[in-house]
Amino acid sequence: MNRDGAKKVAVDAEGQVKLRHGDEEIRFEQEPFPLYPGEKLYGKVSPLQVVAPNTALRLRAIRDFDEADGTKRIAGDEWLFKGPGKIYFIFSGLFLF
């Protein structure tokens, strides 16, 4: 679904939720939430990916996106996420090797 600038669910003039067709969203720790018409649960609830010290995950972008720190990733870019740390996948723009 689309969200407005205040992170609220965006609706059209008729009050219908605006969907982002073809996108996936991963939701983290939060209050329970509804699935809106057109949304469906994909997979199952799973723990966060924890990267141990002296290890890394090799990642590849499967579409263009901007990271939270402002880094621009282009589809096909590859990089390492070095541990220790937790990796949050905001959407399925990444592919794990």
PDB file of N, CA and C in Angstrom:
ATOM      1  N   MET A   1       0.828  -1.169   0.000  1.00  0.00           N
ATOM      2  CA  MET A   1       0.000   0.000   0.000  1.00  0.00           C
ATOM      3  C   MET A   1       0.879   1.241   0.000  1.00  0.00           C
ATOM      4  N   ASN A   2       0.350   2.323  -0.478  1.00  0.00           N
ATOM      5  CA  ASN A   2       1.070   3.599  -0.472  1.00  0.00           C
ATOM      6  C   ASN A   2       0.890   4.272   0.872  1.00  0.00           C
ATOM      7  N   ARG A   3       1.876   5.056   1.247  1.00  0.00           N
ATOM      8  CA  ARG A   3       1.784   5.846   2.479  1.00  0.00           C
ATOM      9  C   ARG A   3       2.050   7.299   2.121  1.00  0.00           C
ATOM     10  N   ASP A   4       1.427   8.201   2.873  1.00  0.00           N
ATOM     11  CA  ASP A   4       1.654   9.623   2.627  1.00  0.00           C
ATOM     12  C   ASP A   4       2.880  10.084   3.413  1.00  0.00           C
ATOM     13  N   GLY A   5       3.148  11.386   3.415  1.00  0.00           N
ATOM     14  CA  GLY A   5       4.330  11.926   4.091  1.00  0.00           C
ATOM     15  C   GLY A   5       4.353  11.671   5.583  1.00  0.00           C
ATOM     16  N   ALA A   6       3.186  11.502   6.205  1.00  0.00           N
ATOM     17  CA  ALA A   6       3.101  11.258   7.641  1.00  0.00           C
ATOM     18  C   ALA A   6       3.082   9.763   7.955  1.00  0.00           C
ATOM     19  N   LYS A   7       3.424   8.929   6.968  1.00  0.00           N
ATOM     20  CA  LYS A   7       3.466   7.468   7.125  1.00  0.00           C
ATOM     21  C   LYS A   7       2.085   6.861   7.362  1.00  0.00           C
ATOM     22  N   LYS A   8       1.036   7.600   7.031  1.00  0.00           N
ATOM     23  CA  LYS A   8      -0.326   7.086   7.126  1.00  0.00           C
ATOM     24  C   LYS A   8      -0.700   6.422   5.813  1.00  0.00           C
ATOM     25  N   VAL A   9      -1.634   5.490   5.873  1.00  0.00           N
ATOM     26  CA  VAL A   9      -2.094   4.801   4.671  1.00  0.00           C
ATOM     27  C   VAL A   9      -2.762   5.813   3.751  1.00  0.00           C
ATOM     28  N   ALA A  10      -2.342   5.838   2.481  1.00  0.00           N
ATOM     29  CA  ALA A  10      -2.913   6.766   1.501  1.00  0.00           C
ATOM     30  C   ALA A  10      -4.188   6.180   0.920  1.00  0.00           C
ATOM     31  N   VAL A  11      -5.207   7.032   0.789  1.00  0.00           N
ATOM     32  CA  VAL A  11      -6.479   6.602   0.197  1.00  0.00           C
ATOM     33  C   VAL A  11      -6.836   7.513  -0.962  1.00  0.00           C
ATOM     34  N   ASP A  12      -7.643   6.997  -1.882  1.00  0.00           N
ATOM     35  CA  ASP A  12      -8.085   7.804  -3.019  1.00  0.00           C
ATOM     36  C   ASP A  12      -9.357   8.575  -2.641  1.00  0.00           C
ATOM     37  N   ALA A  13      -9.952   9.268  -3.610  1.00  0.00           N
ATOM     38  CA  ALA A  13     -11.133  10.104  -3.359  1.00  0.00           C
ATOM     39  C   ALA A  13     -12.323   9.297  -2.845  1.00  0.00           C
ATOM     40  N   GLU A  14     -12.394   8.015  -3.180  1.00  0.00           N
ATOM     41  CA  GLU A  14     -13.497   7.164  -2.731  1.00  0.00           C
ATOM     42  C   GLU A  14     -13.198   6.466  -1.407  1.00  0.00           C
ATOM     43  N   GLY A  15     -12.029   6.721  -0.835  1.00  0.00           N
ATOM     44  CA  GLY A  15     -11.665   6.101   0.434  1.00  0.00           C
ATOM     45  C   GLY A  15     -11.021   4.737   0.304  1.00  0.00           C
ATOM     46  N   GLN A  16     -10.683   4.327  -0.920  1.00  0.00           N
ATOM     47  CA  GLN A  16     -10.034   3.039  -1.136  1.00  0.00           C
ATOM     48  C   GLN A  16      -8.521   3.178  -0.909  1.00  0.00           C
ATOM     49  N   VAL A  17      -7.921   2.175  -0.302  1.00  0.00           N
ATOM     50  CA  VAL A  17      -6.479   2.185  -0.054  1.00  0.00           C
ATOM     51  C   VAL A  17      -5.730   2.103  -1.382  1.00  0.00           C
ATOM     52  N   LYS A  18      -4.710   2.969  -1.543  1.00  0.00           N
ATOM     53  CA  LYS A  18      -3.894   2.940  -2.762  1.00  0.00           C
ATOM     54  C   LYS A  18      -2.813   1.874  -2.601  1.00  0.00           C
ATOM     55  N   LEU A  19      -2.773   0.936  -3.537  1.00  0.00           N
ATOM     56  CA  LEU A  19      -1.801  -0.156  -3.482  1.00  0.00           C
ATOM     57  C   LEU A  19      -0.620   0.119  -4.400  1.00  0.00           C
ATOM     58  N   ARG A  20       0.535  -0.423  -4.043  1.00  0.00           N
ATOM     59  CA  ARG A  20       1.723  -0.403  -4.905  1.00  0.00           C
ATOM     60  C   ARG A  20       1.810  -1.792  -5.516  1.00  0.00           C
ATOM     61  N   HIS A  21       1.212  -1.968  -6.652  1.00  0.00           N
ATOM     62  CA  HIS A  21       1.181  -3.288  -7.283  1.00  0.00           C
ATOM     63  C   HIS A  21       2.585  -3.741  -7.657  1.00  0.00           C
ATOM     64  N   GLY A  22       2.909  -4.984  -7.350  1.00  0.00           N
ATOM     65  CA  GLY A  22       4.210  -5.551  -7.675  1.00  0.00           C
ATOM     66  C   GLY A  22       5.245  -5.335  -6.588  1.00  0.00           C
ATOM     67  N   ASP A  23       4.949  -4.540  -5.568  1.00  0.00           N
ATOM     68  CA  ASP A  23       5.888  -4.298  -4.477  1.00  0.00           C
ATOM     69  C   ASP A  23       5.581  -5.220  -3.312  1.00  0.00           C
ATOM     70  N   GLU A  24       6.603  -5.460  -2.509  1.00  0.00           N
ATOM     71  CA  GLU A  24       6.441  -6.198  -1.267  1.00  0.00           C
ATOM     72  C   GLU A  24       6.926  -5.300  -0.147  1.00  0.00           C
ATOM     73  N   GLU A  25       6.325  -5.438   1.010  1.00  0.00           N
ATOM     74  CA  GLU A  25       6.699  -4.646   2.171  1.00  0.00           C
ATOM     75  C   GLU A  25       6.939  -5.590   3.330  1.00  0.00           C
ATOM     76  N   ILE A  26       7.997  -5.345   4.075  1.00  0.00           N
ATOM     77  CA  ILE A  26       8.278  -6.145   5.263  1.00  0.00           C
ATOM     78  C   ILE A  26       8.054  -5.243   6.458  1.00  0.00           C
ATOM     79  N   ARG A  27       7.224  -5.692   7.357  1.00  0.00           N
ATOM     80  CA  ARG A  27       6.877  -4.892   8.527  1.00  0.00           C
ATOM     81  C   ARG A  27       7.543  -5.487   9.752  1.00  0.00           C
ATOM     82  N   PHE A  28       8.169  -4.607  10.541  1.00  0.00           N
ATOM     83  CA  PHE A  28       8.894  -5.045  11.732  1.00  0.00           C
ATOM     84  C   PHE A  28       8.052  -4.815  12.976  1.00  0.00           C
ATOM     85  N   GLU A  29       8.690  -4.864  14.129  1.00  0.00           N
ATOM     86  CA  GLU A  29       8.024  -4.735  15.416  1.00  0.00           C
ATOM     87  C   GLU A  29       7.069  -3.550  15.401  1.00  0.00           C
ATOM     88  N   GLN A  30       5.799  -3.845  15.595  1.00  0.00           N
ATOM     89  CA  GLN A  30       4.785  -2.797  15.634  1.00  0.00           C
ATOM     90  C   GLN A  30       3.495  -3.385  16.172  1.00  0.00           C
ATOM     91  N   GLU A  31       2.539  -2.518  16.375  1.00  0.00           N
ATOM     92  CA  GLU A  31       1.219  -2.973  16.799  1.00  0.00           C
ATOM     93  C   GLU A  31       0.626  -3.870  15.709  1.00  0.00           C
ATOM     94  N   PRO A  32      -0.298  -4.743  16.065  1.00  0.00           N
ATOM     95  CA  PRO A  32      -0.966  -5.552  15.036  1.00  0.00           C
ATOM     96  C   PRO A  32      -1.574  -4.643  13.967  1.00  0.00           C
ATOM     97  N   PHE A  33      -1.617  -5.126  12.741  1.00  0.00           N
ATOM     98  CA  PHE A  33      -2.093  -4.302  11.632  1.00  0.00           C
ATOM     99  C   PHE A  33      -2.960  -5.147  10.710  1.00  0.00           C
ATOM    100  N   PRO A  34      -3.882  -4.501  10.010  1.00  0.00           N
ATOM    101  CA  PRO A  34      -4.731  -5.261   9.083  1.00  0.00           C
ATOM    102  C   PRO A  34      -4.049  -5.433   7.733  1.00  0.00           C
ATOM    103  N   LEU A  35      -4.448  -6.447   7.013  1.00  0.00           N
ATOM    104  CA  LEU A  35      -4.098  -6.551   5.605  1.00  0.00           C
ATOM    105  C   LEU A  35      -5.247  -5.902   4.847  1.00  0.00           C
ATOM    106  N   TYR A  36      -4.931  -4.919   4.023  1.00  0.00           N
ATOM    107  CA  TYR A  36      -5.951  -4.193   3.276  1.00  0.00           C
ATOM    108  C   TYR A  36      -6.365  -4.979   2.034  1.00  0.00           C
ATOM    109  N   PRO A  37      -7.542  -4.661   1.471  1.00  0.00           N
ATOM    110  CA  PRO A  37      -7.966  -5.362   0.256  1.00  0.00           C
ATOM    111  C   PRO A  37      -6.878  -5.277  -0.818  1.00  0.00           C
ATOM    112  N   GLY A  38      -6.532  -6.414  -1.391  1.00  0.00           N
ATOM    113  CA  GLY A  38      -5.484  -6.470  -2.401  1.00  0.00           C
ATOM    114  C   GLY A  38      -4.135  -6.890  -1.838  1.00  0.00           C
ATOM    115  N   GLU A  39      -3.963  -6.848  -0.516  1.00  0.00           N
ATOM    116  CA  GLU A  39      -2.721  -7.295   0.115  1.00  0.00           C
ATOM    117  C   GLU A  39      -2.869  -8.750   0.538  1.00  0.00           C
ATOM    118  N   LYS A  40      -1.745  -9.458   0.593  1.00  0.00           N
ATOM    119  CA  LYS A  40      -1.771 -10.813   1.122  1.00  0.00           C
ATOM    120  C   LYS A  40      -0.471 -11.089   1.845  1.00  0.00           C
ATOM    121  N   LEU A  41      -0.538 -11.975   2.806  1.00  0.00           N
ATOM    122  CA  LEU A  41       0.631 -12.364   3.579  1.00  0.00           C
ATOM    123  C   LEU A  41       1.481 -13.287   2.725  1.00  0.00           C
ATOM    124  N   TYR A  42       2.760 -12.980   2.594  1.00  0.00           N
ATOM    125  CA  TYR A  42       3.680 -13.787   1.798  1.00  0.00           C
ATOM    126  C   TYR A  42       4.674 -14.421   2.752  1.00  0.00           C
ATOM    127  N   GLY A  43       4.773 -15.708   2.747  1.00  0.00           N
ATOM    128  CA  GLY A  43       5.714 -16.385   3.628  1.00  0.00           C
ATOM    129  C   GLY A  43       5.165 -16.473   5.040  1.00  0.00           C
ATOM    130  N   LYS A  44       6.062 -16.456   6.009  1.00  0.00           N
ATOM    131  CA  LYS A  44       5.663 -16.560   7.405  1.00  0.00           C
ATOM    132  C   LYS A  44       6.476 -15.582   8.236  1.00  0.00           C
ATOM    133  N   VAL A  45       6.057 -15.379   9.444  1.00  0.00           N
ATOM    134  CA  VAL A  45       6.798 -14.517  10.365  1.00  0.00           C
ATOM    135  C   VAL A  45       8.126 -15.200  10.661  1.00  0.00           C
ATOM    136  N   SER A  46       9.218 -14.456  10.562  1.00  0.00           N
ATOM    137  CA  SER A  46      10.533 -15.043  10.777  1.00  0.00           C
ATOM    138  C   SER A  46      11.428 -14.082  11.544  1.00  0.00           C
ATOM    139  N   PRO A  47      12.444 -14.598  12.227  1.00  0.00           N
ATOM    140  CA  PRO A  47      13.352 -13.727  12.969  1.00  0.00           C
ATOM    141  C   PRO A  47      14.229 -12.909  12.033  1.00  0.00           C
ATOM    142  N   LEU A  48      14.776 -11.813  12.566  1.00  0.00           N
ATOM    143  CA  LEU A  48      15.692 -10.980  11.791  1.00  0.00           C
ATOM    144  C   LEU A  48      16.964 -11.743  11.458  1.00  0.00           C
ATOM    145  N   GLN A  49      17.579 -11.394  10.348  1.00  0.00           N
ATOM    146  CA  GLN A  49      18.855 -11.985   9.945  1.00  0.00           C
ATOM    147  C   GLN A  49      19.962 -11.309  10.755  1.00  0.00           C
ATOM    148  N   VAL A  50      20.685 -12.072  11.568  1.00  0.00           N
ATOM    149  CA  VAL A  50      21.787 -11.541  12.364  1.00  0.00           C
ATOM    150  C   VAL A  50      23.090 -11.984  11.710  1.00  0.00           C
ATOM    151  N   VAL A  51      23.964 -11.014  11.469  1.00  0.00           N
ATOM    152  CA  VAL A  51      25.263 -11.290  10.851  1.00  0.00           C
ATOM    153  C   VAL A  51      26.306 -11.295  11.960  1.00  0.00           C
ATOM    154  N   ALA A  52      26.996 -12.413  12.126  1.00  0.00           N
ATOM    155  CA  ALA A  52      27.985 -12.581  13.193  1.00  0.00           C
ATOM    156  C   ALA A  52      29.240 -11.755  12.915  1.00  0.00           C
ATOM    157  N   PRO A  53      30.028 -11.477  13.958  1.00  0.00           N
ATOM    158  CA  PRO A  53      31.303 -10.769  13.756  1.00  0.00           C
ATOM    159  C   PRO A  53      32.210 -11.539  12.790  1.00  0.00           C
ATOM    160  N   ASN A  54      32.988 -10.820  12.020  1.00  0.00           N
ATOM    161  CA  ASN A  54      33.936 -11.378  11.054  1.00  0.00           C
ATOM    162  C   ASN A  54      33.260 -12.189   9.942  1.00  0.00           C
ATOM    163  N   THR A  55      31.999 -11.896   9.680  1.00  0.00           N
ATOM    164  CA  THR A  55      31.288 -12.502   8.559  1.00  0.00           C
ATOM    165  C   THR A  55      30.566 -11.389   7.807  1.00  0.00           C
ATOM    166  N   ALA A  56      30.038 -11.731   6.647  1.00  0.00           N
ATOM    167  CA  ALA A  56      29.314 -10.734   5.850  1.00  0.00           C
ATOM    168  C   ALA A  56      28.272 -11.435   4.993  1.00  0.00           C
ATOM    169  N   LEU A  57      27.273 -10.681   4.584  1.00  0.00           N
ATOM    170  CA  LEU A  57      26.300 -11.149   3.611  1.00  0.00           C
ATOM    171  C   LEU A  57      26.605 -10.473   2.285  1.00  0.00           C
ATOM    172  N   ARG A  58      26.630 -11.234   1.218  1.00  0.00           N
ATOM    173  CA  ARG A  58      26.806 -10.670  -0.122  1.00  0.00           C
ATOM    174  C   ARG A  58      25.416 -10.378  -0.673  1.00  0.00           C
ATOM    175  N   LEU A  59      25.164  -9.111  -0.994  1.00  0.00           N
ATOM    176  CA  LEU A  59      23.848  -8.665  -1.426  1.00  0.00           C
ATOM    177  C   LEU A  59      23.888  -8.157  -2.856  1.00  0.00           C
ATOM    178  N   ARG A  60      22.754  -8.269  -3.554  1.00  0.00           N
ATOM    179  CA  ARG A  60      22.628  -7.713  -4.904  1.00  0.00           C
ATOM    180  C   ARG A  60      21.261  -7.055  -5.016  1.00  0.00           C
ATOM    181  N   ALA A  61      21.230  -5.839  -5.540  1.00  0.00           N
ATOM    182  CA  ALA A  61      19.967  -5.133  -5.741  1.00  0.00           C
ATOM    183  C   ALA A  61      19.261  -5.718  -6.957  1.00  0.00           C
ATOM    184  N   ILE A  62      17.958  -5.986  -6.797  1.00  0.00           N
ATOM    185  CA  ILE A  62      17.192  -6.493  -7.939  1.00  0.00           C
ATOM    186  C   ILE A  62      16.353  -5.378  -8.566  1.00  0.00           C
ATOM    187  N   ARG A  63      16.382  -4.192  -7.943  1.00  0.00           N
ATOM    188  CA  ARG A  63      15.778  -2.987  -8.528  1.00  0.00           C
ATOM    189  C   ARG A  63      16.414  -1.771  -7.883  1.00  0.00           C
ATOM    190  N   ASP A  64      16.239  -0.606  -8.482  1.00  0.00           N
ATOM    191  CA  ASP A  64      16.813   0.628  -7.970  1.00  0.00           C
ATOM    192  C   ASP A  64      16.123   1.029  -6.664  1.00  0.00           C
ATOM    193  N   PHE A  65      16.915   1.524  -5.696  1.00  0.00           N
ATOM    194  CA  PHE A  65      16.342   2.061  -4.459  1.00  0.00           C
ATOM    195  C   PHE A  65      17.397   2.887  -3.735  1.00  0.00           C
ATOM    196  N   ASP A  66      16.956   3.679  -2.770  1.00  0.00           N
ATOM    197  CA  ASP A  66      17.836   4.466  -1.912  1.00  0.00           C
ATOM    198  C   ASP A  66      17.814   3.847  -0.524  1.00  0.00           C
ATOM    199  N   GLU A  67      19.005   3.652   0.049  1.00  0.00           N
ATOM    200  CA  GLU A  67      19.089   3.129   1.406  1.00  0.00           C
ATOM    201  C   GLU A  67      18.752   4.232   2.392  1.00  0.00           C
ATOM    202  N   ALA A  68      18.510   3.853   3.655  1.00  0.00           N
ATOM    203  CA  ALA A  68      18.153   4.818   4.693  1.00  0.00           C
ATOM    204  C   ALA A  68      19.245   5.873   4.889  1.00  0.00           C
ATOM    205  N   ASP A  69      20.520   5.507   4.654  1.00  0.00           N
ATOM    206  CA  ASP A  69      21.619   6.463   4.828  1.00  0.00           C
ATOM    207  C   ASP A  69      21.848   7.326   3.586  1.00  0.00           C
ATOM    208  N   GLY A  70      21.000   7.167   2.559  1.00  0.00           N
ATOM    209  CA  GLY A  70      21.110   7.978   1.349  1.00  0.00           C
ATOM    210  C   GLY A  70      21.894   7.328   0.220  1.00  0.00           C
ATOM    211  N   THR A  71      22.494   6.164   0.463  1.00  0.00           N
ATOM    212  CA  THR A  71      23.228   5.464  -0.580  1.00  0.00           C
ATOM    213  C   THR A  71      22.273   5.013  -1.672  1.00  0.00           C
ATOM    214  N   LYS A  72      22.592   5.338  -2.923  1.00  0.00           N
ATOM    215  CA  LYS A  72      21.748   4.937  -4.048  1.00  0.00           C
ATOM    216  C   LYS A  72      22.238   3.590  -4.571  1.00  0.00           C
ATOM    217  N   ARG A  73      21.324   2.655  -4.692  1.00  0.00           N
ATOM    218  CA  ARG A  73      21.634   1.340  -5.247  1.00  0.00           C
ATOM    219  C   ARG A  73      20.890   1.195  -6.569  1.00  0.00           C
ATOM    220  N   ILE A  74      21.590   0.704  -7.572  1.00  0.00           N
ATOM    221  CA  ILE A  74      21.037   0.481  -8.903  1.00  0.00           C
ATOM    222  C   ILE A  74      20.891  -1.031  -9.096  1.00  0.00           C
ATOM    223  N   ALA A  75      19.854  -1.455  -9.792  1.00  0.00           N
ATOM    224  CA  ALA A  75      19.658  -2.883 -10.035  1.00  0.00           C
ATOM    225  C   ALA A  75      20.943  -3.491 -10.589  1.00  0.00           C
ATOM    226  N   GLY A  76      21.390  -4.583  -9.969  1.00  0.00           N
ATOM    227  CA  GLY A  76      22.627  -5.242 -10.370  1.00  0.00           C
ATOM    228  C   GLY A  76      23.801  -4.921  -9.468  1.00  0.00           C
ATOM    229  N   ASP A  77      23.721  -3.830  -8.684  1.00  0.00           N
ATOM    230  CA  ASP A  77      24.803  -3.501  -7.741  1.00  0.00           C
ATOM    231  C   ASP A  77      24.990  -4.638  -6.746  1.00  0.00           C
ATOM    232  N   GLU A  78      26.234  -4.906  -6.380  1.00  0.00           N
ATOM    233  CA  GLU A  78      26.548  -5.905  -5.363  1.00  0.00           C
ATOM    234  C   GLU A  78      27.408  -5.255  -4.293  1.00  0.00           C
ATOM    235  N   TRP A  79      27.206  -5.647  -3.037  1.00  0.00           N
ATOM    236  CA  TRP A  79      27.987  -5.115  -1.938  1.00  0.00           C
ATOM    237  C   TRP A  79      27.916  -6.082  -0.768  1.00  0.00           C
ATOM    238  N   LEU A  80      28.749  -5.836   0.241  1.00  0.00           N
ATOM    239  CA  LEU A  80      28.777  -6.677   1.435  1.00  0.00           C
ATOM    240  C   LEU A  80      28.146  -5.945   2.606  1.00  0.00           C
ATOM    241  N   PHE A  81      27.352  -6.651   3.372  1.00  0.00           N
ATOM    242  CA  PHE A  81      26.871  -6.156   4.656  1.00  0.00           C
ATOM    243  C   PHE A  81      27.717  -6.866   5.694  1.00  0.00           C
ATOM    244  N   LYS A  82      28.607  -6.121   6.341  1.00  0.00           N
ATOM    245  CA  LYS A  82      29.580  -6.719   7.271  1.00  0.00           C
ATOM    246  C   LYS A  82      29.032  -6.756   8.690  1.00  0.00           C
ATOM    247  N   GLY A  83      29.283  -7.875   9.370  1.00  0.00           N
ATOM    248  CA  GLY A  83      28.835  -8.058  10.741  1.00  0.00           C
ATOM    249  C   GLY A  83      29.811  -7.463  11.721  1.00  0.00           C
ATOM    250  N   PRO A  84      29.454  -7.341  12.958  1.00  0.00           N
ATOM    251  CA  PRO A  84      28.202  -7.812  13.527  1.00  0.00           C
ATOM    252  C   PRO A  84      27.071  -6.816  13.268  1.00  0.00           C
ATOM    253  N   GLY A  85      25.878  -7.325  13.179  1.00  0.00           N
ATOM    254  CA  GLY A  85      24.718  -6.461  13.011  1.00  0.00           C
ATOM    255  C   GLY A  85      23.496  -7.221  12.561  1.00  0.00           C
ATOM    256  N   LYS A  86      22.368  -6.509  12.563  1.00  0.00           N
ATOM    257  CA  LYS A  86      21.099  -7.058  12.073  1.00  0.00           C
ATOM    258  C   LYS A  86      20.788  -6.369  10.763  1.00  0.00           C
ATOM    259  N   ILE A  87      20.297  -7.105   9.809  1.00  0.00           N
ATOM    260  CA  ILE A  87      19.949  -6.501   8.530  1.00  0.00           C
ATOM    261  C   ILE A  87      18.431  -6.500   8.399  1.00  0.00           C
ATOM    262  N   TYR A  88      17.908  -5.320   8.117  1.00  0.00           N
ATOM    263  CA  TYR A  88      16.471  -5.128   7.935  1.00  0.00           C
ATOM    264  C   TYR A  88      16.205  -4.977   6.456  1.00  0.00           C
ATOM    265  N   PHE A  89      15.399  -5.844   5.896  1.00  0.00           N
ATOM    266  CA  PHE A  89      15.015  -5.721   4.497  1.00  0.00           C
ATOM    267  C   PHE A  89      13.716  -4.944   4.450  1.00  0.00           C
ATOM    268  N   ILE A  90      13.783  -3.700   4.012  1.00  0.00           N
ATOM    269  CA  ILE A  90      12.602  -2.854   3.978  1.00  0.00           C
ATOM    270  C   ILE A  90      11.641  -3.318   2.887  1.00  0.00           C
ATOM    271  N   PHE A  91      12.144  -3.811   1.821  1.00  0.00           N
ATOM    272  CA  PHE A  91      11.331  -4.390   0.754  1.00  0.00           C
ATOM    273  C   PHE A  91      12.196  -5.390   0.028  1.00  0.00           C
ATOM    274  N   SER A  92      11.642  -6.085  -0.918  1.00  0.00           N
ATOM    275  CA  SER A  92      12.402  -7.138  -1.574  1.00  0.00           C
ATOM    276  C   SER A  92      13.226  -6.602  -2.733  1.00  0.00           C
ATOM    277  N   GLY A  93      13.971  -5.543  -2.493  1.00  0.00           N
ATOM    278  CA  GLY A  93      14.857  -5.019  -3.522  1.00  0.00           C
ATOM    279  C   GLY A  93      16.230  -5.662  -3.465  1.00  0.00           C
ATOM    280  N   LEU A  94      16.390  -6.628  -2.552  1.00  0.00           N
ATOM    281  CA  LEU A  94      17.696  -7.271  -2.360  1.00  0.00           C
ATOM    282  C   LEU A  94      17.586  -8.763  -2.618  1.00  0.00           C
ATOM    283  N   PHE A  95      18.703  -9.320  -3.029  1.00  0.00           N
ATOM    284  CA  PHE A  95      18.791 -10.761  -3.210  1.00  0.00           C
ATOM    285  C   PHE A  95      19.994 -11.232  -2.417  1.00  0.00           C
ATOM    286  N   LEU A  96      19.806 -12.222  -1.559  1.00  0.00           N
ATOM    287  CA  LEU A  96      20.915 -12.793  -0.781  1.00  0.00           C
ATOM    288  C   LEU A  96      21.557 -13.911  -1.573  1.00  0.00           C
ATOM    289  N   PHE A  97      22.880 -13.945  -1.612  1.00  0.00           N
ATOM    290  CA  PHE A  97      23.591 -15.043  -2.260  1.00  0.00           C
ATOM    291  C   PHE A  97      23.781 -16.163  -1.283  1.00  0.00           C
TER     292      PHE A  97
END
